[in-house]
Amino acid sequence: MVRQSDLARKRRSRGHTQETLAHRLEVDVSTVARWERGASTPTPRMREALARELGLSLDQLAALLPGAPAAASAPVPDVPAEDPVELIKDVWTSAERDGLVARLAENAPAPGLTGDRAVRVAHQWLITPPPPSVAGRGEAGRRIGSGELGRIQARLRYLHHADDVVAGGDLHTTIRGEVARTAALLRTASYPEEVGRGLLRAVAELCQLAGWSTADGGHVATAERYYLSGIQAAHAADDPVLAAQVVSALAGHLTEFGRARDAVLVARSALARLDGLARNATTPTVRALLHARASWAHAAAGEISQAATAIQRAQDEYARRRDGDPDPAWVYWLTPEEMDIIVGRVDTALGQPQQARQRLTSAIRSCDHRRVRETALYTTWLAHAHLRAQDVDRAAALADRARELSETIPSAYSERAVRQLSRQLAATR
């Protein structure tokens, strides 16, 4: 039993549930459960994959498997010092606070947390209880109350709306500066627990916004680290819905930058947390957003049936919206037109280009002309729908329009979308 729990503990320390580990190894979840119970052992080939996933040598893995000889049960180092599982903890001491603040104040969020480590961090919050207290006694004697917190939240809302019309190349440094200033208050100010959690929620939202905008500014790895710091802040604030939003946004980031399999796992992690909450803890709009992101991750991973199921769930949830729903402020942008655009993009991936063209054409017509980046992106998605329908001439005309828009703004997202579309058009000629 000791070794069984050691194997399970090692799996959890890497940020995996039995389901996510099984998905990574492409085995059934019952197989992982049997390994941990000692009912079966991995094959030699599977041992190599399992050892890689757990960050162990084969000898270290053998020491953890139930039934391993006593001589092989030497202590196994838990995780290398640079491993990011320490980012998510069930305590919130001055050390954790100062670590987060130092990273964000120096514009170096969560250093070294790239690659599959991001996936482990995104799962870690699922199994780690939130810290019990975030009251602060700052060094400078400044006291933060609800009034100052309200002003911080107002700036956050302003930056959200600024991001609607200003591309990341122009905006990301401003957002990152706001992240650093807000995070610094956690260390320098005094505040009661309620305000401390509010500060952490603001930092988490700002980190998510910084992740999106910084990636649009062309700094992909730094953007990912902002997302991870945002997960930490939301977890410390004991706000599982906000944490799920940041985790889901990270899944969107991973999808767009070619890591669809990882994105699927991360998106499912976000939904798993919501599924564990009471139904009234969130709103239909929030659930629709998370299912929509999961759908696109599945589509990018080539998992068409899962993508179809997820986008239908998103539409069903969105249809349940009612006036007066207590939606969090960060979901303001998911309007009916935006939902149509998301569904239309997935329709193309599902092989339904006619539906995609109808949805996207109508939604683009109503798009605010000041939102140049979004208009350029949506135009490329419409072009893909025409290309899928073998209407190459119309796709080429839309590509020209998207290129014209993209050239007027410093947006890595729109530039990348135009390049990908151009390559696909070239392949048809």
Protein backbone atom coordinates (compact mmCIF):
# COMPACT_ATOMS: atom_id res chain seq x y z
CA MET A 1 0.00 0.00 0.00
CA VAL A 2 2.87 2.41 0.69
CA ARG A 3 4.33 2.01 -2.76
CA GLN A 4 0.89 2.26 -4.32
CA SER A 5 0.34 5.63 -2.68
CA ASP A 6 3.87 6.70 -3.66
CA LEU A 7 3.08 6.11 -7.33
CA ALA A 8 -0.20 8.00 -7.05
CA ARG A 9 1.50 10.80 -5.11
CA LYS A 10 4.15 11.14 -7.79
CA ARG A 11 1.44 11.30 -10.44
CA ARG A 12 -0.38 14.03 -8.51
CA SER A 13 2.85 16.00 -7.96
CA ARG A 14 3.18 16.24 -11.73
CA GLY A 15 -0.26 17.84 -11.88
CA HIS A 16 -2.07 14.82 -13.31
CA THR A 17 -5.32 13.13 -12.47
CA GLN A 18 -5.57 9.47 -13.47
CA GLU A 19 -7.61 10.60 -16.48
CA THR A 20 -5.13 13.19 -17.76
CA LEU A 21 -2.18 10.83 -17.31
CA ALA A 22 -4.07 8.12 -19.18
CA HIS A 23 -4.80 10.60 -21.98
CA ARG A 24 -1.11 11.53 -22.26
CA LEU A 25 -0.11 7.87 -22.41
CA GLU A 26 -3.01 6.93 -24.70
CA VAL A 27 -4.28 4.21 -22.38
CA ASP A 28 -7.57 3.71 -20.58
CA VAL A 29 -7.92 5.38 -17.19
CA SER A 30 -8.58 1.98 -15.64
CA THR A 31 -5.08 0.95 -16.72
CA VAL A 32 -3.52 3.74 -14.66
CA ALA A 33 -5.73 2.79 -11.70
CA ARG A 34 -4.57 -0.84 -11.93
CA TRP A 35 -0.92 0.23 -11.96
CA GLU A 36 -1.44 2.27 -8.80
CA ARG A 37 -3.31 -0.57 -7.07
CA GLY A 38 -0.70 -3.12 -8.10
CA ALA A 39 -3.24 -5.15 -10.06
CA SER A 40 -1.02 -4.94 -13.15
CA THR A 41 2.30 -3.45 -14.20
CA PRO A 42 3.23 -1.40 -17.29
CA THR A 43 4.82 -3.14 -20.25
CA PRO A 44 8.48 -2.27 -20.94
CA ARG A 45 7.46 0.16 -23.68
CA MET A 46 4.83 1.76 -21.48
CA ARG A 47 7.29 2.02 -18.58
CA GLU A 48 9.49 4.23 -20.72
CA ALA A 49 6.57 6.53 -21.54
CA LEU A 50 5.34 6.56 -17.94
CA ALA A 51 8.83 7.36 -16.63
CA ARG A 52 9.16 10.26 -19.08
CA GLU A 53 5.77 11.64 -18.08
CA LEU A 54 6.59 11.44 -14.37
CA GLY A 55 10.11 12.84 -14.79
CA LEU A 56 11.79 9.67 -13.51
CA SER A 57 14.47 7.26 -14.58
CA LEU A 58 13.37 3.67 -15.18
CA ASP A 59 15.01 2.62 -11.90
CA GLN A 60 13.19 5.36 -10.01
CA LEU A 61 9.90 4.31 -11.56
CA ALA A 62 10.55 0.66 -10.68
CA ALA A 63 11.02 1.69 -7.05
CA LEU A 64 7.54 3.20 -7.01
CA LEU A 65 5.68 0.37 -8.72
CA PRO A 66 3.80 -1.94 -6.32
CA GLY A 67 5.70 -5.18 -5.97
CA ALA A 68 9.13 -3.64 -6.54
CA PRO A 69 11.90 -5.30 -4.42
CA ALA A 70 12.74 -3.58 -1.17
CA ALA A 71 16.30 -2.91 -2.29
CA ALA A 72 14.96 -0.78 -5.08
CA SER A 73 12.95 1.44 -2.79
CA ALA A 74 15.56 4.11 -2.33
CA PRO A 75 14.18 7.62 -1.84
CA VAL A 76 13.09 9.15 -5.11
CA PRO A 77 13.56 12.89 -5.55
CA ASP A 78 10.10 14.38 -5.76
CA VAL A 79 10.49 16.92 -8.56
CA PRO A 80 13.51 18.85 -9.82
CA ALA A 81 13.93 22.23 -8.18
CA GLU A 82 12.94 24.06 -11.32
CA ASP A 83 9.73 22.07 -11.72
CA PRO A 84 6.73 24.41 -11.56
CA VAL A 85 4.46 22.21 -9.44
CA GLU A 86 5.60 24.39 -6.54
CA LEU A 87 3.74 27.28 -8.16
CA ILE A 88 0.41 26.01 -6.83
CA LYS A 89 0.32 25.44 -3.06
CA ASP A 90 -2.22 25.12 -0.29
CA VAL A 91 -0.46 27.82 1.73
CA TRP A 92 -0.04 31.54 1.12
CA THR A 93 2.86 32.78 3.16
CA SER A 94 5.01 35.84 2.65
CA ALA A 95 7.38 33.64 0.62
CA GLU A 96 4.66 32.70 -1.89
CA ARG A 97 3.42 36.28 -2.02
CA ASP A 98 6.90 37.72 -2.52
CA GLY A 99 7.74 35.13 -5.16
CA LEU A 100 4.69 36.08 -7.22
CA VAL A 101 5.26 39.81 -6.72
CA ALA A 102 8.95 39.62 -7.60
CA ARG A 103 8.27 37.80 -10.86
CA LEU A 104 5.52 40.17 -11.93
CA ALA A 105 7.27 43.35 -10.78
CA GLU A 106 10.28 42.40 -12.90
CA ASN A 107 8.11 41.52 -15.90
CA ALA A 108 9.40 37.97 -15.60
CA PRO A 109 6.34 35.95 -14.61
CA ALA A 110 6.87 32.30 -13.64
CA PRO A 111 10.33 31.86 -15.21
CA GLY A 112 11.13 28.51 -16.74
CA LEU A 113 7.54 27.26 -16.88
CA THR A 114 7.37 26.36 -20.54
CA GLY A 115 6.76 23.13 -22.40
CA ASP A 116 4.79 20.34 -20.73
CA ARG A 117 5.33 22.03 -17.37
CA ALA A 118 2.56 24.46 -18.25
CA VAL A 119 0.17 21.55 -18.57
CA ARG A 120 1.17 20.18 -15.15
CA VAL A 121 0.61 23.55 -13.49
CA ALA A 122 -2.79 23.86 -15.15
CA HIS A 123 -3.77 20.54 -13.58
CA GLN A 124 -2.16 21.13 -10.20
CA TRP A 125 -4.83 23.57 -9.04
CA LEU A 126 -7.44 20.82 -9.44
CA ILE A 127 -6.01 18.82 -6.54
CA THR A 128 -4.60 21.54 -4.27
CA PRO A 129 -6.80 23.22 -1.66
CA PRO A 130 -6.79 27.05 -1.78
CA PRO A 131 -4.83 28.98 0.87
CA PRO A 132 -6.84 29.91 3.98
CA SER A 133 -5.85 33.58 4.31
CA VAL A 134 -4.44 36.44 2.27
CA ALA A 135 -4.45 39.31 4.76
CA GLY A 136 -1.37 41.52 4.42
CA ARG A 137 0.77 43.72 6.60
CA GLY A 138 2.87 45.80 4.26
CA GLU A 139 6.29 47.25 4.87
CA ALA A 140 5.39 50.79 3.82
CA GLY A 141 2.39 51.19 6.13
CA ARG A 142 -0.07 52.04 3.30
CA ARG A 143 -3.49 50.57 3.93
CA ILE A 144 -5.65 49.39 1.04
CA GLY A 145 -9.41 49.42 1.47
CA SER A 146 -12.41 48.78 -0.73
CA GLY A 147 -12.15 52.23 -2.33
CA GLU A 148 -8.64 51.68 -3.65
CA LEU A 149 -9.57 48.16 -4.74
CA GLY A 150 -12.50 49.63 -6.68
CA ARG A 151 -10.14 51.99 -8.52
CA ILE A 152 -7.87 49.08 -9.42
CA GLN A 153 -10.84 47.16 -10.76
CA ALA A 154 -11.93 50.19 -12.79
CA ARG A 155 -8.48 50.37 -14.44
CA LEU A 156 -8.70 46.67 -15.15
CA ARG A 157 -12.05 47.16 -16.91
CA TYR A 158 -10.57 50.07 -18.88
CA LEU A 159 -7.67 47.90 -20.06
CA HIS A 160 -10.05 45.11 -21.08
CA HIS A 161 -11.97 47.52 -23.30
CA ALA A 162 -8.74 49.10 -24.59
CA ASP A 163 -7.64 45.63 -25.70
CA ASP A 164 -10.78 45.43 -27.83
CA VAL A 165 -9.47 48.16 -30.12
CA VAL A 166 -5.69 48.32 -29.55
CA ALA A 167 -3.39 45.55 -30.80
CA GLY A 168 -0.95 43.82 -28.51
CA GLY A 169 2.11 45.36 -30.08
CA ASP A 170 0.93 48.76 -28.82
CA LEU A 171 -0.77 47.72 -25.57
CA HIS A 172 1.05 44.84 -23.92
CA THR A 173 3.69 46.94 -22.16
CA THR A 174 0.97 49.08 -20.58
CA ILE A 175 -0.88 46.01 -19.32
CA ARG A 176 2.31 44.45 -18.00
CA GLY A 177 3.08 47.64 -16.13
CA GLU A 178 -0.35 47.53 -14.50
CA VAL A 179 0.28 43.90 -13.53
CA ALA A 180 3.53 44.87 -11.82
CA ARG A 181 2.02 47.85 -9.97
CA THR A 182 -0.99 45.90 -8.75
CA ALA A 183 1.09 42.93 -7.67
CA ALA A 184 3.46 45.21 -5.76
CA LEU A 185 0.57 46.26 -3.50
CA LEU A 186 0.36 42.71 -2.21
CA ARG A 187 3.76 43.19 -0.58
CA THR A 188 3.90 46.90 0.22
CA ALA A 189 0.37 47.58 1.48
CA SER A 190 -1.69 46.47 4.45
CA TYR A 191 -5.16 45.10 3.83
CA PRO A 192 -7.81 42.83 5.36
CA GLU A 193 -8.41 39.37 3.96
CA GLU A 194 -11.35 40.36 1.76
CA VAL A 195 -9.35 43.12 0.08
CA GLY A 196 -6.34 40.82 -0.24
CA ARG A 197 -8.41 38.33 -2.18
CA GLY A 198 -9.69 41.18 -4.34
CA LEU A 199 -6.13 42.23 -5.12
CA LEU A 200 -5.25 38.67 -6.09
CA ARG A 201 -8.30 38.43 -8.33
CA ALA A 202 -7.27 41.67 -10.04
CA VAL A 203 -3.75 40.32 -10.52
CA ALA A 204 -5.14 37.09 -11.96
CA GLU A 205 -7.35 38.94 -14.45
CA LEU A 206 -4.50 41.26 -15.40
CA CYS A 207 -2.19 38.28 -15.93
CA GLN A 208 -4.72 36.64 -18.24
CA LEU A 209 -5.08 39.88 -20.17
CA ALA A 210 -1.30 40.30 -20.23
CA GLY A 211 -0.92 36.75 -21.54
CA TRP A 212 -3.25 37.44 -24.45
CA SER A 213 -1.82 40.88 -25.26
CA THR A 214 1.82 39.84 -24.84
CA ALA A 215 1.35 36.93 -27.24
CA ASP A 216 -0.25 39.39 -29.68
CA GLY A 217 2.88 41.49 -29.24
CA GLY A 218 4.98 38.54 -30.41
CA HIS A 219 6.30 37.29 -27.05
CA VAL A 220 4.76 33.83 -26.89
CA ALA A 221 6.80 32.21 -24.11
CA THR A 222 6.46 35.24 -21.83
CA ALA A 223 2.71 35.24 -22.47
CA GLU A 224 2.45 31.64 -21.32
CA ARG A 225 4.20 32.48 -18.09
CA TYR A 226 1.72 35.30 -17.43
CA TYR A 227 -1.11 32.80 -17.78
CA LEU A 228 0.56 30.52 -15.24
CA SER A 229 1.06 33.35 -12.75
CA GLY A 230 -2.61 34.23 -13.24
CA ILE A 231 -3.59 30.68 -12.29
CA GLN A 232 -1.51 31.00 -9.15
CA ALA A 233 -3.10 34.32 -8.19
CA ALA A 234 -6.66 33.09 -8.81
CA HIS A 235 -5.95 29.95 -6.81
CA ALA A 236 -4.57 31.99 -3.92
CA ALA A 237 -7.70 34.16 -4.06
CA ASP A 238 -9.85 31.02 -3.70
CA ASP A 239 -11.79 31.94 -6.85
CA PRO A 240 -12.20 28.66 -8.76
CA VAL A 241 -14.35 30.20 -11.49
CA LEU A 242 -11.74 32.85 -12.29
CA ALA A 243 -9.00 30.23 -12.11
CA ALA A 244 -10.94 28.07 -14.56
CA GLN A 245 -11.20 31.08 -16.87
CA VAL A 246 -7.43 31.64 -16.81
CA VAL A 247 -6.76 27.92 -17.29
CA SER A 248 -9.19 27.89 -20.21
CA ALA A 249 -7.53 30.98 -21.70
CA LEU A 250 -4.18 29.16 -21.45
CA ALA A 251 -5.78 26.31 -23.40
CA GLY A 252 -6.74 28.80 -26.10
CA HIS A 253 -3.15 30.06 -26.18
CA LEU A 254 -1.77 26.54 -26.52
CA THR A 255 -4.24 25.76 -29.30
CA GLU A 256 -3.25 28.78 -31.34
CA PHE A 257 0.44 28.01 -31.06
CA GLY A 258 0.42 24.41 -32.21
CA ARG A 259 0.01 22.47 -28.96
CA ALA A 260 -3.50 21.18 -29.47
CA ARG A 261 -3.08 17.93 -27.52
CA ASP A 262 -1.86 19.84 -24.48
CA ALA A 263 -4.63 22.37 -25.01
CA VAL A 264 -7.28 19.64 -24.86
CA LEU A 265 -5.97 18.48 -21.49
CA VAL A 266 -5.83 22.00 -20.12
CA ALA A 267 -9.32 22.88 -21.41
CA ARG A 268 -10.72 19.73 -19.83
CA SER A 269 -9.00 20.64 -16.58
CA ALA A 270 -10.86 23.96 -16.52
CA LEU A 271 -14.20 22.28 -17.20
CA ALA A 272 -13.54 19.61 -14.60
CA ARG A 273 -13.23 22.29 -11.93
CA LEU A 274 -16.51 23.90 -12.96
CA ASP A 275 -18.22 20.50 -12.97
CA GLY A 276 -17.15 20.10 -9.34
CA LEU A 277 -18.88 23.32 -8.29
CA ALA A 278 -22.53 23.90 -7.50
CA ARG A 279 -24.51 24.80 -10.62
CA ASN A 280 -25.30 28.27 -9.28
CA ALA A 281 -21.62 29.00 -8.64
CA THR A 282 -21.22 30.06 -12.25
CA THR A 283 -23.38 31.25 -15.14
CA PRO A 284 -24.41 29.88 -18.55
CA THR A 285 -22.22 32.45 -20.31
CA VAL A 286 -19.12 31.33 -18.42
CA ARG A 287 -19.85 27.68 -19.10
CA ALA A 288 -20.47 28.45 -22.77
CA LEU A 289 -17.10 30.18 -23.04
CA LEU A 290 -15.18 27.28 -21.52
CA HIS A 291 -16.94 24.69 -23.67
CA ALA A 292 -16.29 26.80 -26.78
CA ARG A 293 -12.56 26.95 -26.05
CA ALA A 294 -12.51 23.22 -25.42
CA SER A 295 -14.26 22.67 -28.75
CA TRP A 296 -11.62 24.54 -30.71
CA ALA A 297 -8.85 22.65 -28.91
CA HIS A 298 -10.49 19.35 -29.88
CA ALA A 299 -10.92 20.56 -33.46
CA ALA A 300 -7.27 21.57 -33.72
CA ALA A 301 -6.27 18.18 -32.32
CA GLY A 302 -8.33 16.44 -35.01
CA GLU A 303 -10.86 15.16 -32.47
CA ILE A 304 -13.89 16.01 -34.56
CA SER A 305 -16.62 14.22 -32.62
CA GLN A 306 -15.43 15.71 -29.33
CA ALA A 307 -15.29 19.14 -30.96
CA ALA A 308 -18.87 18.76 -32.19
CA THR A 309 -20.07 17.69 -28.75
CA ALA A 310 -18.29 20.57 -27.03
CA ILE A 311 -19.56 23.26 -29.40
CA GLN A 312 -23.10 21.96 -29.00
CA ARG A 313 -22.67 22.17 -25.22
CA ALA A 314 -21.44 25.73 -25.65
CA GLN A 315 -24.48 26.67 -27.72
CA ASP A 316 -26.86 24.98 -25.30
CA GLU A 317 -25.35 26.82 -22.35
CA TYR A 318 -25.40 30.14 -24.19
CA ALA A 319 -29.08 29.67 -24.98
CA ARG A 320 -29.76 29.43 -21.22
CA ARG A 321 -28.61 33.02 -20.59
CA ARG A 322 -31.09 35.32 -18.91
CA ASP A 323 -31.13 39.03 -18.20
CA GLY A 324 -29.81 39.61 -14.74
CA ASP A 325 -27.40 36.66 -14.70
CA PRO A 326 -24.54 37.50 -12.30
CA ASP A 327 -21.89 37.19 -15.01
CA PRO A 328 -18.34 38.11 -13.98
CA ALA A 329 -17.10 41.27 -15.65
CA TRP A 330 -14.44 39.42 -17.66
CA VAL A 331 -17.02 37.62 -19.81
CA TYR A 332 -18.55 40.87 -21.13
CA TRP A 333 -17.18 40.33 -24.64
CA LEU A 334 -19.03 37.08 -25.38
CA THR A 335 -21.93 38.67 -27.25
CA PRO A 336 -24.29 36.73 -29.57
CA GLU A 337 -22.22 37.93 -32.54
CA GLU A 338 -18.99 36.70 -30.95
CA MET A 339 -20.61 33.37 -30.18
CA ASP A 340 -21.64 33.04 -33.82
CA ILE A 341 -18.06 33.73 -34.88
CA ILE A 342 -16.70 31.06 -32.55
CA VAL A 343 -19.29 28.52 -33.73
CA GLY A 344 -18.64 29.44 -37.35
CA ARG A 345 -14.93 28.78 -36.99
CA VAL A 346 -15.65 25.37 -35.50
CA ASP A 347 -18.21 24.67 -38.25
CA THR A 348 -15.40 24.98 -40.79
CA ALA A 349 -13.28 22.45 -38.92
CA LEU A 350 -16.28 20.12 -38.70
CA GLY A 351 -16.67 20.15 -42.49
CA GLN A 352 -19.71 22.43 -42.53
CA PRO A 353 -18.43 25.40 -44.57
CA GLN A 354 -21.86 26.60 -45.71
CA GLN A 355 -23.03 27.03 -42.11
CA ALA A 356 -19.69 28.64 -41.27
CA ARG A 357 -19.99 31.17 -44.10
CA GLN A 358 -23.49 32.18 -43.05
CA ARG A 359 -22.55 32.66 -39.42
CA LEU A 360 -19.26 34.43 -40.06
CA THR A 361 -20.54 36.73 -42.82
CA SER A 362 -23.42 37.95 -40.69
CA ALA A 363 -21.28 38.42 -37.57
CA ILE A 364 -18.49 40.26 -39.42
CA ARG A 365 -21.01 42.75 -40.84
CA SER A 366 -21.94 43.79 -37.32
CA CYS A 367 -18.35 43.93 -36.05
CA ASP A 368 -17.20 47.31 -34.72
CA HIS A 369 -14.90 48.76 -37.42
CA ARG A 370 -12.52 49.98 -34.69
CA ARG A 371 -11.71 46.38 -33.78
CA VAL A 372 -9.19 45.98 -36.58
CA ARG A 373 -7.37 42.94 -35.18
CA GLU A 374 -10.59 41.00 -34.63
CA THR A 375 -11.95 41.97 -38.04
CA ALA A 376 -8.75 40.75 -39.68
CA LEU A 377 -8.85 37.46 -37.75
CA TYR A 378 -12.51 36.84 -38.47
CA THR A 379 -11.96 37.61 -42.14
CA THR A 380 -9.28 34.91 -42.33
CA TRP A 381 -11.67 32.45 -40.68
CA LEU A 382 -14.33 33.30 -43.24
CA ALA A 383 -11.75 32.80 -46.00
CA HIS A 384 -10.98 29.32 -44.62
CA ALA A 385 -14.69 28.48 -44.83
CA HIS A 386 -14.76 29.54 -48.50
CA LEU A 387 -11.57 27.58 -49.14
CA ARG A 388 -13.12 24.51 -47.52
CA ALA A 389 -16.08 24.96 -49.88
CA GLN A 390 -13.59 25.15 -52.80
CA ASP A 391 -14.45 28.77 -53.51
CA VAL A 392 -10.81 29.74 -54.00
CA ASP A 393 -11.41 33.10 -55.66
CA ARG A 394 -13.55 34.39 -52.82
CA ALA A 395 -11.07 33.03 -50.28
CA ALA A 396 -8.24 34.87 -52.04
CA ALA A 397 -10.20 38.14 -52.05
CA LEU A 398 -10.87 37.80 -48.33
CA ALA A 399 -7.21 37.01 -47.74
CA ASP A 400 -6.26 40.27 -49.45
CA ARG A 401 -8.71 42.16 -47.26
CA ALA A 402 -7.37 40.52 -44.09
CA ARG A 403 -3.80 41.34 -45.14
CA GLU A 404 -4.70 45.00 -45.69
CA LEU A 405 -6.20 45.21 -42.22
CA SER A 406 -3.34 43.36 -40.56
CA GLU A 407 -0.73 45.65 -42.08
CA THR A 408 -2.22 48.63 -40.23
CA ILE A 409 -1.68 47.23 -36.72
CA PRO A 410 1.13 45.53 -34.75
CA SER A 411 -0.67 42.25 -34.11
CA ALA A 412 1.17 38.93 -34.15
CA TYR A 413 -2.16 37.10 -34.09
CA SER A 414 -3.48 38.67 -37.27
CA GLU A 415 -0.10 38.46 -39.03
CA ARG A 416 0.13 34.78 -38.21
CA ALA A 417 -3.43 34.09 -39.35
CA VAL A 418 -2.79 35.83 -42.68
CA ARG A 419 0.45 33.88 -43.22
CA GLN A 420 -1.26 30.56 -42.55
CA LEU A 421 -4.09 31.42 -44.91
CA SER A 422 -1.66 32.51 -47.62
CA ARG A 423 0.18 29.19 -47.37
CA GLN A 424 -3.05 27.26 -47.75
CA LEU A 425 -4.09 29.35 -50.74
CA ALA A 426 -0.70 28.81 -52.36
CA ALA A 427 -1.10 25.06 -51.93
CA THR A 428 -4.34 25.12 -53.98
CA ARG A 429 -2.74 26.78 -57.00
